Protein backbone atom coordinates (compact mmCIF):
# COMPACT_ATOMS: atom_id res chain seq x y z
CA UNK A 1 -71.19 -45.79 62.71
CA UNK A 2 -70.30 -49.00 64.57
CA UNK A 3 -66.72 -49.82 65.52
CA UNK A 4 -66.65 -52.76 63.10
CA UNK A 5 -67.80 -50.48 60.26
CA UNK A 6 -65.10 -47.92 61.14
CA UNK A 7 -62.40 -50.61 61.09
CA UNK A 8 -63.69 -51.94 57.82
CA UNK A 9 -63.78 -48.41 56.32
CA UNK A 10 -60.24 -47.71 57.60
CA UNK A 11 -58.95 -51.00 56.15
CA UNK A 12 -60.45 -50.15 52.77
CA UNK A 13 -58.65 -46.80 52.84
CA UNK A 14 -55.48 -48.55 54.03
CA UNK A 15 -55.62 -50.93 51.09
CA UNK A 16 -56.32 -48.14 48.60
CA UNK A 17 -53.04 -46.33 49.37
CA UNK A 18 -50.55 -46.86 46.55
CA UNK A 19 -47.46 -46.81 48.73
CA UNK A 20 -46.59 -50.00 50.67
CA UNK A 21 -47.51 -49.67 54.37
CA UNK A 22 -46.92 -52.07 57.28
CA UNK A 23 -47.45 -51.91 61.02
CA UNK A 24 -45.32 -53.87 63.49
CA UNK A 25 -45.64 -54.30 67.22
CA UNK A 26 -43.16 -53.66 70.05
CA UNK A 27 -41.25 -56.81 69.01
CA UNK A 28 -41.04 -55.80 65.35
CA UNK A 29 -43.62 -58.43 64.41
CA UNK A 30 -45.81 -57.37 61.52
CA UNK A 31 -49.44 -57.11 62.50
CA UNK A 32 -50.91 -55.25 59.51
CA UNK A 33 -49.99 -54.63 55.84
CA UNK A 34 -51.81 -53.16 52.85
CA UNK A 35 -52.21 -54.65 49.45
CA UNK A 36 -49.34 -52.55 47.98
CA UNK A 37 -46.96 -53.99 50.62
CA UNK A 38 -47.90 -57.53 49.59
CA UNK A 39 -47.35 -56.61 45.93
CA UNK A 40 -43.92 -55.16 46.75
CA UNK A 41 -42.74 -58.39 48.44
CA UNK A 42 -44.73 -60.57 46.08
CA UNK A 43 -46.20 -62.41 49.11
CA UNK A 44 -49.66 -62.93 50.55
CA UNK A 45 -50.78 -61.43 53.84
CA UNK A 46 -50.65 -64.92 55.40
CA UNK A 47 -46.97 -65.19 54.51
CA UNK A 48 -46.23 -61.76 56.01
CA UNK A 49 -48.36 -61.30 59.15
CA UNK A 50 -46.47 -62.32 62.30
CA UNK A 51 -43.08 -62.30 60.62
CA UNK A 52 -40.19 -60.24 61.95
CA UNK A 53 -40.13 -57.19 59.69
CA UNK A 54 -36.34 -57.24 59.31
CA UNK A 55 -36.27 -60.84 58.24
CA UNK A 56 -38.48 -59.87 55.36
CA UNK A 57 -36.00 -57.22 54.24
CA UNK A 58 -32.62 -58.23 55.67
CA UNK A 59 -33.00 -62.02 56.22
CA UNK A 60 -32.25 -61.52 59.93
CA UNK A 61 -34.21 -60.94 63.16
CA UNK A 62 -31.42 -58.74 64.54
CA UNK A 63 -31.79 -55.25 63.04
CA UNK A 64 -28.66 -53.06 62.78
CA UNK A 65 -28.36 -49.95 65.00
CA UNK A 66 -28.69 -47.76 61.92
CA UNK A 67 -32.09 -49.19 61.15
CA UNK A 68 -34.81 -46.48 61.21
CA UNK A 69 -37.09 -48.63 63.39
CA UNK A 70 -34.34 -49.07 65.97
CA UNK A 71 -33.72 -45.32 65.95
CA UNK A 72 -37.43 -44.71 66.44
CA UNK A 73 -37.34 -46.85 69.64
CA UNK A 74 -34.54 -44.60 70.93
CA UNK A 75 -35.71 -41.20 69.76
CA UNK A 76 -39.48 -41.74 69.95
CA UNK A 77 -39.74 -39.70 66.73
CA UNK A 78 -40.09 -40.47 63.05
CA UNK A 79 -37.00 -41.64 61.17
CA UNK A 80 -36.20 -42.18 57.48
CA UNK A 81 -33.63 -44.51 55.98
CA UNK A 82 -32.80 -46.66 53.00
CA UNK A 83 -32.87 -50.47 52.79
CA UNK A 84 -32.56 -53.05 50.04
CA UNK A 85 -35.36 -55.58 49.66
CA UNK A 86 -33.92 -59.12 49.66
CA UNK A 87 -36.90 -60.32 47.67
CA UNK A 88 -36.57 -57.93 44.75
CA UNK A 89 -33.15 -56.36 45.22
CA UNK A 90 -34.77 -52.95 44.89
CA UNK A 91 -33.59 -49.98 46.96
CA UNK A 92 -36.32 -48.73 49.25
CA UNK A 93 -36.82 -45.56 51.25
CA UNK A 94 -38.53 -46.33 54.59
CA UNK A 95 -40.25 -43.75 56.75
CA UNK A 96 -40.96 -45.12 60.26
CA UNK A 97 -43.35 -43.35 62.66
CA UNK A 98 -43.93 -44.54 66.28
CA UNK A 99 -47.31 -45.68 67.69
CA UNK A 100 -47.91 -44.79 71.38
CA UNK A 101 -50.28 -46.14 74.05
CA UNK A 102 -52.07 -44.07 76.69
CA UNK A 103 -48.87 -43.92 78.72
CA UNK A 104 -46.95 -42.58 75.69
CA UNK A 105 -45.02 -45.79 75.49
CA UNK A 106 -44.12 -47.09 72.07
CA UNK A 107 -46.16 -50.14 71.26
CA UNK A 108 -45.26 -50.36 67.59
CA UNK A 109 -44.56 -48.38 64.42
CA UNK A 110 -45.96 -47.64 60.98
CA UNK A 111 -43.68 -48.20 57.95
CA UNK A 112 -44.36 -46.20 54.77
CA UNK A 113 -42.18 -47.56 51.98
CA UNK A 114 -41.22 -46.01 48.63
CA UNK A 115 -39.48 -47.85 45.85
CA UNK A 116 -36.62 -45.53 44.92
CA UNK A 117 -34.97 -47.75 42.35
CA UNK A 118 -35.85 -45.32 39.50
CA UNK A 119 -34.53 -42.36 41.46
CA UNK A 120 -31.40 -44.30 42.34
CA UNK A 121 -30.83 -45.17 38.73
CA UNK A 122 -31.23 -41.52 37.78
CA UNK A 123 -28.86 -40.42 40.53
CA UNK A 124 -26.34 -43.01 39.42
CA UNK A 125 -26.72 -41.94 35.83
CA UNK A 126 -26.27 -38.32 36.89
CA UNK A 127 -23.15 -39.18 38.88
CA UNK A 128 -21.75 -41.11 35.95
CA UNK A 129 -22.62 -38.26 33.60
CA UNK A 130 -21.02 -35.71 35.90
CA UNK A 131 -17.93 -37.88 36.18
CA UNK A 132 -17.70 -38.18 32.40
CA UNK A 133 -18.22 -34.43 32.13
CA UNK A 134 -15.50 -33.81 34.70
CA UNK A 135 -13.08 -36.13 32.90
CA UNK A 136 -13.88 -34.45 29.59
CA UNK A 137 -13.33 -30.97 31.00
CA UNK A 138 -10.12 -32.08 32.66
CA UNK A 139 -8.44 -32.73 29.32
CA UNK A 140 -9.84 -29.77 27.38
CA UNK A 141 -7.33 -27.21 26.11
CA UNK A 142 -9.73 -24.42 27.00
CA UNK A 143 -10.07 -23.28 30.58
CA UNK A 144 -13.33 -24.33 32.26
CA UNK A 145 -14.53 -22.97 35.59
CA UNK A 146 -17.76 -23.98 37.34
CA UNK A 147 -19.15 -21.78 40.08
CA UNK A 148 -22.17 -21.91 42.34
CA UNK A 149 -23.52 -18.45 43.22
CA UNK A 150 -20.09 -16.99 42.39
CA UNK A 151 -18.10 -19.51 44.44
CA UNK A 152 -15.73 -21.63 42.36
CA UNK A 153 -16.52 -25.35 42.76
CA UNK A 154 -14.52 -26.77 39.86
CA UNK A 155 -11.65 -25.76 37.57
CA UNK A 156 -9.88 -27.91 34.98
CA UNK A 157 -6.15 -28.15 34.39
CA UNK A 158 -6.23 -25.62 31.55
CA UNK A 159 -7.89 -23.19 33.94
CA UNK A 160 -5.19 -23.74 36.52
CA UNK A 161 -2.49 -23.04 33.93
CA UNK A 162 -4.30 -19.98 32.64
CA UNK A 163 -4.37 -18.16 35.97
CA UNK A 164 -1.05 -19.54 37.23
CA UNK A 165 -2.41 -21.87 39.93
CA UNK A 166 -0.53 -24.99 41.00
CA UNK A 167 -3.53 -26.93 42.29
CA UNK A 168 -7.35 -26.70 42.42
CA UNK A 169 -7.10 -25.90 46.13
CA UNK A 170 -5.81 -22.42 45.24
CA UNK A 171 -9.05 -21.64 43.41
CA UNK A 172 -11.86 -23.80 44.87
CA UNK A 173 -14.02 -21.71 47.19
CA UNK A 174 -12.81 -18.36 45.85
CA UNK A 175 -15.10 -15.73 44.39
CA UNK A 176 -14.93 -15.89 40.61
CA UNK A 177 -15.05 -12.08 40.49
CA UNK A 178 -11.56 -12.00 42.00
CA UNK A 179 -10.31 -12.91 38.51
CA UNK A 180 -12.26 -10.23 36.63
CA UNK A 181 -10.78 -6.77 36.01
CA UNK A 182 -12.45 -4.24 38.37
CA UNK A 183 -13.77 -2.16 35.47
CA UNK A 184 -15.68 -5.17 34.09
CA UNK A 185 -17.04 -6.73 37.27
CA UNK A 186 -20.46 -5.10 37.20
CA UNK A 187 -21.30 -6.18 33.65
CA UNK A 188 -19.91 -9.69 34.26
CA UNK A 189 -22.01 -9.98 37.42
CA UNK A 190 -25.13 -9.01 35.45
CA UNK A 191 -24.41 -11.71 32.87
CA UNK A 192 -23.91 -14.33 35.60
CA UNK A 193 -27.18 -13.37 37.30
CA UNK A 194 -28.97 -13.79 33.99
CA UNK A 195 -27.52 -17.30 33.59
CA UNK A 196 -28.45 -18.26 37.15
CA UNK A 197 -31.98 -16.85 37.29
CA UNK A 198 -33.13 -17.31 33.68
CA UNK A 199 -31.12 -20.48 33.02
CA UNK A 200 -30.02 -19.21 29.61
CA UNK A 201 -26.55 -19.24 28.07
CA UNK A 202 -24.80 -15.94 27.43
CA UNK A 203 -23.03 -15.19 24.12
CA UNK A 204 -19.26 -15.10 23.98
CA UNK A 205 -17.71 -11.73 24.77
CA UNK A 206 -14.20 -10.38 25.24
CA UNK A 207 -13.14 -9.54 28.78
CA UNK A 208 -10.07 -8.41 30.68
CA UNK A 209 -9.23 -10.98 33.34
CA UNK A 210 -6.60 -11.31 36.06
CA UNK A 211 -4.17 -14.08 36.96
CA UNK A 212 -3.30 -15.00 40.52
CA UNK A 213 -0.28 -12.68 40.40
CA UNK A 214 -2.52 -9.77 39.33
CA UNK A 215 -1.28 -9.63 35.74
CA UNK A 216 -3.82 -8.79 33.05
CA UNK A 217 -4.80 -10.97 30.11
CA UNK A 218 -7.51 -10.85 27.47
CA UNK A 219 -10.01 -13.68 27.02
CA UNK A 220 -13.16 -14.74 25.23
CA UNK A 221 -15.69 -15.79 27.86
CA UNK A 222 -18.94 -17.74 27.48
CA UNK A 223 -21.28 -18.81 30.29
CA UNK A 224 -23.90 -21.57 30.41
CA UNK A 225 -26.18 -23.01 33.11
CA UNK A 226 -25.45 -26.58 34.27
CA UNK A 227 -26.36 -28.90 37.14
CA UNK A 228 -23.16 -29.88 38.90
CA UNK A 229 -23.51 -32.58 41.59
CA UNK A 230 -27.14 -31.67 42.06
CA UNK A 231 -26.61 -27.92 42.31
CA UNK A 232 -27.56 -25.28 39.75
CA UNK A 233 -24.22 -23.84 38.64
CA UNK A 234 -22.67 -21.73 35.89
CA UNK A 235 -20.05 -23.20 33.60
CA UNK A 236 -17.63 -20.59 32.26
CA UNK A 237 -15.39 -21.37 29.28
CA UNK A 238 -12.38 -19.10 28.93
CA UNK A 239 -10.18 -18.79 25.84
CA UNK A 240 -6.96 -16.84 26.17
CA UNK A 241 -6.79 -14.32 23.29
CA UNK A 242 -3.95 -12.17 24.65
CA UNK A 243 -1.67 -12.88 21.69
CA UNK A 244 -4.48 -12.20 19.24
CA UNK A 245 -5.28 -8.91 20.97
CA UNK A 246 -1.62 -7.93 20.82
CA UNK A 247 -1.61 -8.70 17.10
CA UNK A 248 -4.81 -6.67 16.65
CA UNK A 249 -3.36 -3.76 18.63
CA UNK A 250 -0.19 -3.95 16.58
CA UNK A 251 -2.26 -3.89 13.40
CA UNK A 252 -4.25 -0.91 14.67
CA UNK A 253 -1.02 0.87 15.62
CA UNK A 254 0.51 0.20 12.21
CA UNK A 255 -2.66 1.39 10.47
CA UNK A 256 -2.52 4.61 12.49
CA UNK A 257 1.14 5.03 11.59
CA UNK A 258 0.43 4.44 7.91
CA UNK A 259 -2.49 6.85 8.07
CA UNK A 260 -0.27 9.47 9.72
CA UNK A 261 2.46 8.97 7.13
CA UNK A 262 -0.06 9.08 4.31
CA UNK A 263 -1.53 12.31 5.69
CA UNK A 264 1.95 13.84 5.96
CA UNK A 265 2.95 12.61 2.51
CA UNK A 266 -0.24 14.02 1.00
CA UNK A 267 0.44 17.34 2.70
CA UNK A 268 4.03 17.47 1.46
CA UNK A 269 3.00 16.57 -2.09
CA UNK A 270 0.53 19.43 -2.29
CA UNK A 271 3.33 21.93 -2.80
CA UNK A 272 7.01 22.03 -3.69
CA UNK A 273 7.75 25.48 -2.28
CA UNK A 274 9.86 25.03 0.83
CA UNK A 275 8.13 27.64 3.03
CA UNK A 276 4.69 26.21 2.29
CA UNK A 277 6.03 22.68 2.89
CA UNK A 278 7.29 23.66 6.34
CA UNK A 279 4.03 25.31 7.37
CA UNK A 280 2.00 22.36 6.13
CA UNK A 281 4.28 19.84 7.88
CA UNK A 282 4.04 21.62 11.24
CA UNK A 283 0.27 21.94 10.99
CA UNK A 284 -0.09 18.26 10.08
CA UNK A 285 2.38 16.80 12.61
CA UNK A 286 1.02 18.77 15.57
CA UNK A 287 -2.52 17.67 14.64
CA UNK A 288 -1.78 13.93 14.48
CA UNK A 289 -3.79 12.17 17.20
CA UNK A 290 -1.30 9.30 17.33
CA UNK A 291 1.49 11.65 18.51
CA UNK A 292 -0.55 13.70 20.99
CA UNK A 293 1.89 16.63 20.94
CA UNK A 294 1.14 20.28 21.61
CA UNK A 295 0.32 22.78 18.88
CA UNK A 296 3.77 24.26 19.13
CA UNK A 297 7.08 23.52 17.46
CA UNK A 298 9.28 24.34 14.51
CA UNK A 299 11.86 23.37 11.91
CA UNK A 300 15.46 24.61 12.13
CA UNK A 301 17.77 24.22 9.14
CA UNK A 302 21.50 23.60 9.24
CA UNK A 303 23.53 26.17 7.28
CA UNK A 304 27.22 25.47 7.74
CA UNK A 305 28.07 25.67 11.44
CA UNK A 306 24.99 27.79 12.10
CA UNK A 307 21.27 27.03 12.28
CA UNK A 308 18.30 29.03 11.03
CA UNK A 309 14.73 28.89 12.33
CA UNK A 310 12.95 28.24 9.03
CA UNK A 311 9.37 27.79 10.27
CA UNK A 312 7.57 27.69 13.61
CA UNK A 313 4.23 27.55 15.44
CA UNK A 314 3.37 29.62 18.48
CA UNK A 315 6.65 31.43 19.28
CA UNK A 316 7.34 34.98 20.43
CA UNK A 317 9.71 37.42 18.70
CA UNK A 318 12.17 36.95 21.56
CA UNK A 319 12.23 33.20 20.94
CA UNK A 320 12.79 33.72 17.20
CA UNK A 321 15.66 36.18 17.76
CA UNK A 322 17.38 33.83 20.23
CA UNK A 323 17.21 30.82 17.94
CA UNK A 324 18.21 32.40 14.65
CA UNK A 325 21.92 31.99 14.08
CA UNK A 326 22.38 29.44 16.88
CA UNK A 327 25.44 27.24 16.57
CA UNK A 328 25.66 23.50 16.02
CA UNK A 329 25.79 21.74 19.40
CA UNK A 330 24.00 24.63 21.14
CA UNK A 331 20.92 23.85 23.21
CA UNK A 332 18.84 20.74 22.49
CA UNK A 333 18.27 21.40 18.79
CA UNK A 334 21.97 22.03 18.21
CA UNK A 335 22.86 18.79 19.98
CA UNK A 336 20.36 16.89 17.81
CA UNK A 337 21.81 18.42 14.63
CA UNK A 338 25.36 17.70 15.72
CA UNK A 339 24.81 14.08 16.83
CA UNK A 340 22.09 13.08 14.35
CA UNK A 341 20.22 11.37 17.23
CA UNK A 342 16.68 11.87 18.51
CA UNK A 343 16.75 14.06 21.63
CA UNK A 344 14.15 13.62 24.38
CA UNK A 345 13.88 16.14 27.21
CA UNK A 346 11.15 15.64 29.79
CA UNK A 347 11.44 19.01 31.55
CA UNK A 348 13.04 22.16 30.16
CA UNK A 349 13.44 23.63 33.65
CA UNK A 350 15.62 20.80 34.94
CA UNK A 351 17.46 19.72 31.78
CA UNK A 352 20.94 21.34 31.75
CA UNK A 353 21.16 20.82 27.98
CA UNK A 354 18.33 23.33 27.50
CA UNK A 355 20.64 26.37 27.48
CA UNK A 356 18.58 28.88 25.47
CA UNK A 357 15.95 30.40 27.75
CA UNK A 358 13.43 33.16 27.17
CA UNK A 359 11.17 35.25 29.37
CA UNK A 360 7.81 33.54 28.64
CA UNK A 361 9.23 30.00 28.84
CA UNK A 362 7.07 27.60 30.84
CA UNK A 363 7.98 24.04 31.92
CA UNK A 364 7.67 21.73 28.92
CA UNK A 365 9.06 18.62 27.35
CA UNK A 366 10.72 18.25 23.98
CA UNK A 367 11.21 15.60 21.36
CA UNK A 368 13.65 16.69 18.69
CA UNK A 369 14.10 14.68 15.51
CA UNK A 370 17.01 15.03 13.08
CA UNK A 371 16.10 15.58 9.44
CA UNK A 372 18.53 13.40 7.50
CA UNK A 373 19.06 13.06 3.79
CA UNK A 374 21.56 10.41 2.66
CA UNK A 375 23.05 10.32 6.14
CA UNK A 376 23.54 14.09 6.34
CA UNK A 377 21.60 16.18 8.88
CA UNK A 378 19.93 19.05 7.04
CA UNK A 379 17.86 20.29 9.96
CA UNK A 380 15.78 19.33 13.00
CA UNK A 381 12.07 19.11 13.80
CA UNK A 382 11.30 20.06 17.41
CA UNK A 383 7.95 19.42 19.10
CA UNK A 384 6.52 20.40 22.48
CA UNK A 385 4.97 18.02 25.00
CA UNK A 386 3.79 18.46 28.61
CA UNK A 387 6.55 18.35 31.23
CA UNK A 388 7.17 14.82 32.50
CA UNK A 389 5.61 13.19 29.43
CA UNK A 390 6.11 9.54 28.51
CA UNK A 391 6.68 8.46 24.91
CA UNK A 392 7.08 4.90 23.67
CA UNK A 393 9.58 3.54 21.17
CA UNK A 394 6.92 3.15 18.48
CA UNK A 395 6.21 6.90 18.45
CA UNK A 396 9.91 7.69 18.40
CA UNK A 397 10.31 5.38 15.43
CA UNK A 398 7.34 7.01 13.69
CA UNK A 399 8.79 10.47 14.27
CA UNK A 400 12.11 9.33 12.82
CA UNK A 401 10.28 8.17 9.67
CA UNK A 402 8.47 11.53 9.55
CA UNK A 403 11.85 13.25 9.92
CA UNK A 404 13.18 11.33 6.92
CA UNK A 405 10.13 12.34 4.88
CA UNK A 406 10.60 15.99 5.80
CA UNK A 407 14.29 15.79 4.88
CA UNK A 408 13.38 14.37 1.47
CA UNK A 409 10.80 17.15 1.02
CA UNK A 410 13.47 19.74 1.91
CA UNK A 411 15.87 18.27 -0.62
CA UNK A 412 13.15 18.15 -3.28
CA UNK A 413 12.25 21.78 -2.58
CA UNK A 414 15.89 22.80 -2.82
CA UNK A 415 16.23 20.98 -6.13
CA UNK A 416 13.06 22.69 -7.32
CA UNK A 417 14.31 26.12 -6.29
CA UNK A 418 17.63 25.41 -7.94
CA UNK A 419 15.92 24.20 -11.11
CA UNK A 420 13.66 27.22 -11.11
CA UNK A 421 16.65 29.51 -10.62
CA UNK A 422 18.54 27.82 -13.45
CA UNK A 423 15.49 28.15 -15.70
CA UNK A 424 15.55 31.93 -15.17
CA UNK A 425 19.28 32.42 -14.69
CA UNK A 426 22.39 31.70 -16.67
CA UNK A 427 24.15 28.68 -15.08
CA UNK A 428 27.65 30.03 -15.88
CA UNK A 429 27.42 33.60 -14.59
CA UNK A 430 24.35 33.39 -12.33
CA UNK A 431 22.84 36.39 -14.13
CA UNK A 432 19.25 36.53 -15.31
CA UNK A 433 18.69 34.83 -18.67
CA UNK A 434 16.62 35.97 -21.63
CA UNK A 435 13.46 34.32 -20.22
CA UNK A 436 13.58 36.35 -17.01
CA UNK A 437 14.64 39.46 -18.96
CA UNK A 438 11.55 39.23 -21.16
CA UNK A 439 9.30 39.07 -18.10
CA UNK A 440 10.89 42.17 -16.53
CA UNK A 441 11.19 44.04 -19.82
CA UNK A 442 7.49 43.53 -20.64
CA UNK A 443 6.54 44.71 -17.15
CA UNK A 444 8.73 47.84 -17.44
CA UNK A 445 7.31 48.58 -20.89
CA UNK A 446 3.70 48.25 -19.62
CA UNK A 447 4.36 50.48 -16.60
CA UNK A 448 6.14 53.11 -18.73
CA UNK A 449 3.31 53.19 -21.24
CA UNK A 450 0.59 53.38 -18.58
CA UNK A 451 2.20 55.74 -16.06
CA UNK A 452 4.34 57.79 -18.53
CA UNK A 453 7.55 56.56 -16.95
CA UNK A 454 10.86 56.00 -18.65
CA UNK A 455 13.52 53.32 -18.54
CA UNK A 456 16.65 52.46 -20.49
CA UNK A 457 18.35 49.37 -21.87
CA UNK A 458 22.10 48.88 -22.24
CA UNK A 459 23.34 46.22 -24.68
CA UNK A 460 27.02 45.32 -24.30
CA UNK A 461 29.41 43.14 -26.26
CA UNK A 462 32.96 42.04 -25.44
CA UNK A 463 35.36 43.37 -28.03
CA UNK A 464 37.36 40.70 -29.87
CA UNK A 465 36.07 37.92 -27.61
CA UNK A 466 36.58 35.28 -30.32
CA UNK A 467 40.28 36.09 -30.53
CA UNK A 468 40.50 35.91 -26.70
CA UNK A 469 38.93 32.44 -26.74
CA UNK A 470 41.14 31.23 -29.58
CA UNK A 471 44.25 32.49 -27.85
CA UNK A 472 43.56 31.48 -24.25
CA UNK A 473 40.98 28.68 -24.56
CA UNK A 474 37.34 28.29 -23.64
CA UNK A 475 37.97 27.76 -19.90
CA UNK A 476 39.62 31.17 -19.68
CA UNK A 477 36.83 32.52 -21.80
CA UNK A 478 34.24 31.23 -19.32
CA UNK A 479 36.24 32.69 -16.44
CA UNK A 480 36.30 36.04 -18.22
CA UNK A 481 32.53 35.98 -18.73
CA UNK A 482 32.02 35.39 -15.00
CA UNK A 483 34.39 38.27 -14.13
CA UNK A 484 32.57 40.64 -16.49
CA UNK A 485 29.26 39.59 -14.93
CA UNK A 486 30.58 40.50 -11.48
CA UNK A 487 31.84 43.88 -12.72
CA UNK A 488 28.55 44.71 -14.44
CA UNK A 489 26.65 43.92 -11.22
CA UNK A 490 28.76 46.29 -9.15
CA UNK A 491 26.89 49.47 -8.22
CA UNK A 492 23.77 48.12 -9.97
CA UNK A 493 20.60 48.97 -8.08
CA UNK A 494 18.26 46.28 -6.77
CA UNK A 495 15.55 47.58 -9.11
CA UNK A 496 17.81 47.06 -12.14
CA UNK A 497 18.55 43.78 -13.87
CA UNK A 498 21.80 42.49 -15.43
CA UNK A 499 21.18 39.81 -18.10
CA UNK A 500 23.41 37.46 -20.03
CA UNK A 501 21.74 37.88 -23.39
CA UNK A 502 23.75 35.27 -25.22
CA UNK A 503 27.39 34.38 -25.93
CA UNK A 504 29.47 37.46 -25.02
CA UNK A 505 26.48 39.85 -25.03
CA UNK A 506 24.94 41.32 -21.85
CA UNK A 507 21.90 43.55 -21.34
CA UNK A 508 21.23 45.84 -18.38
CA UNK A 509 17.68 47.07 -17.71
CA UNK A 510 17.70 50.43 -15.89
CA UNK A 511 14.39 51.29 -14.19
CA UNK A 512 13.33 55.01 -14.09
CA UNK A 513 16.47 56.02 -15.97
CA UNK A 514 16.53 58.57 -18.81
CA UNK A 515 18.94 58.59 -21.75
CA UNK A 516 21.49 60.94 -20.20
CA UNK A 517 21.73 58.94 -16.95
CA UNK A 518 21.85 55.68 -18.90
CA UNK A 519 24.80 56.98 -20.94
CA UNK A 520 26.63 57.94 -17.73
CA UNK A 521 26.09 54.50 -16.19
CA UNK A 522 27.23 52.81 -19.40
CA UNK A 523 30.41 54.89 -19.50
CA UNK A 524 31.18 54.05 -15.85
CA UNK A 525 30.88 50.34 -16.51
CA UNK A 526 32.89 50.52 -19.76
CA UNK A 527 35.79 52.26 -18.02
CA UNK A 528 35.71 49.79 -15.09
CA UNK A 529 36.03 46.82 -17.46
CA UNK A 530 38.77 48.54 -19.40
CA UNK A 531 40.78 49.19 -16.24
CA UNK A 532 40.31 45.81 -14.54
CA UNK A 533 40.14 43.17 -17.27
CA UNK A 534 42.18 42.32 -20.38
CA UNK A 535 39.25 43.16 -22.68
CA UNK A 536 36.98 46.11 -23.49
CA UNK A 537 33.25 46.58 -24.01
CA UNK A 538 31.18 48.23 -26.68
CA UNK A 539 27.80 49.46 -25.40
CA UNK A 540 24.62 50.56 -27.11
CA UNK A 541 22.00 52.59 -25.20
CA UNK A 542 18.27 52.83 -25.95
CA UNK A 543 15.68 54.69 -23.85
CA UNK A 544 11.90 54.28 -23.88
CA UNK A 545 9.88 57.21 -25.25
CA UNK A 546 6.30 57.73 -26.39
CA UNK A 547 7.19 56.60 -29.90
CA UNK A 548 8.43 53.17 -28.71
CA UNK A 549 5.94 50.63 -30.02
CA UNK A 550 7.18 47.48 -28.28
CA UNK A 551 9.91 46.02 -26.06
CA UNK A 552 11.41 44.38 -29.14
CA UNK A 553 11.81 47.80 -30.78
CA UNK A 554 13.81 48.99 -27.76
CA UNK A 555 16.12 45.96 -28.09
CA UNK A 556 16.54 46.66 -31.84
CA UNK A 557 17.47 50.29 -31.14
CA UNK A 558 20.02 49.27 -28.49
CA UNK A 559 21.44 46.63 -30.86
CA UNK A 560 21.75 49.25 -33.62
CA UNK A 561 23.57 51.61 -31.25
CA UNK A 562 25.91 48.74 -30.23
CA UNK A 563 26.66 48.07 -33.91
CA UNK A 564 27.47 51.75 -34.33
CA UNK A 565 29.90 51.59 -31.38
CA UNK A 566 31.61 48.62 -33.02
CA UNK A 567 31.82 50.46 -36.35
CA UNK A 568 33.31 53.56 -34.71
CA UNK A 569 36.25 51.68 -33.20
CA UNK A 570 34.88 49.63 -30.25
CA UNK A 571 35.41 50.32 -26.53
CA UNK A 572 32.84 53.11 -26.61
CA UNK A 573 29.20 53.94 -25.81
CA UNK A 574 26.68 54.99 -28.43
CA UNK A 575 23.10 56.15 -27.82
CA UNK A 576 20.41 54.99 -30.21
CA UNK A 577 17.87 57.35 -31.70
């Protein structure tokens, strides 16, 4: 191909390039341009060729030192810079490459020009958007932190306040993981990597974070990908939920307390018998997770100036012997009973108040709770904990409430026992009443009939008791009844039963006693009353035999014998047939 054809072919290619291109000589005079260059300046080639290139763009033949073409003359290498076209006002990016002769001397340069007005507008819009974003974040109540690859690049004022920083300079450049609790750093790092690499937001989670002073706080944390000043970053929004977490923890604690109290209350309400109440209470209290005590402890009751170990878990016989009959004020339990205050001992070996010691005693801690009813200490609950334990005020308060519940249960059990005793015993004399007598009498009758045993029944009556009452009054009459009850109980065996049958009548059930022995016992008691009290007794004796059809028949026979004693002059014993 001829030289002219090559030049023509090259010029066609030159004109087909979309980007504006110009060539200037050593003196910056334009010697060649393409069609796109003419379109950019809105001029013809005739108006451009031969002109100083900088006059076209700057309106001056004296280019500034920062001009890319000037730098190319100095460096002899390609340079890039930005200029503003005076014809259009558009920002342009100019890439200038040197042209050398055979001697490697610069004889000109090629300008490749790009209109960057769209890019500039986008950059400006981005800067304005970022500035608006920054101003918005600045005034948010929630803490906002932006980091690039873990390095903090922005934090708003709420973020500064949250971590206790006085200025952004205390946080900018620091690793964001410095403010995450060590136990959570790995999972937080995984979430951040997911945001960075997958460019997806992460859902809000709760995390434990740290302030500058190292103090812990709870927060809800969300993370989203953003572009911040041209860099791919992660925006983290932090909401302080410490107060909410405290409220939740308080609610959980109260629910556990209520659950513990409900469990204890349910246990106590399952029975009214005091011994079963104590066992159930100890089992329940030592199993409560919220207390975290050992499976060892007991309840000691106050009885006057002494104390009695009423129930226990896990103690040796030596321990039981040492603690039964202990005095008020003695050892830790005695001090608790005496003062009515909760006693805490962290180590039995070093606490001088722990005065009762036993051979298998190991180092341990104690918490001892007074059992109070209407301000009066009725006993103590003592529990074991590991030596050196720590217990908070909430657990102490819970144990005090438990102590009050136990005290109420003790009082209810005592009232029950007293009621039960009164239902089977005469309230004036304390003797068995007719209800209890019938139970024992039926049992004796059944045993006698089955095993061919015998037993006897004495029925007594105070002679002329009505006259005594009329003369001395009912109070003296009641006193007399109580004295007679005491005398009748003297020398009475444990297997026998003295009963107030009604009014001035008493019955004595004599187990395994025949008629002759029953008569002797009756005579002994009659003479004792006669010699010690201002009244006498008439006594009727009846003894079970094979012909006795029922317990009621035995009572009728004794009553008939008593009537006979009355008829024959009183103050005597008669045996029924």
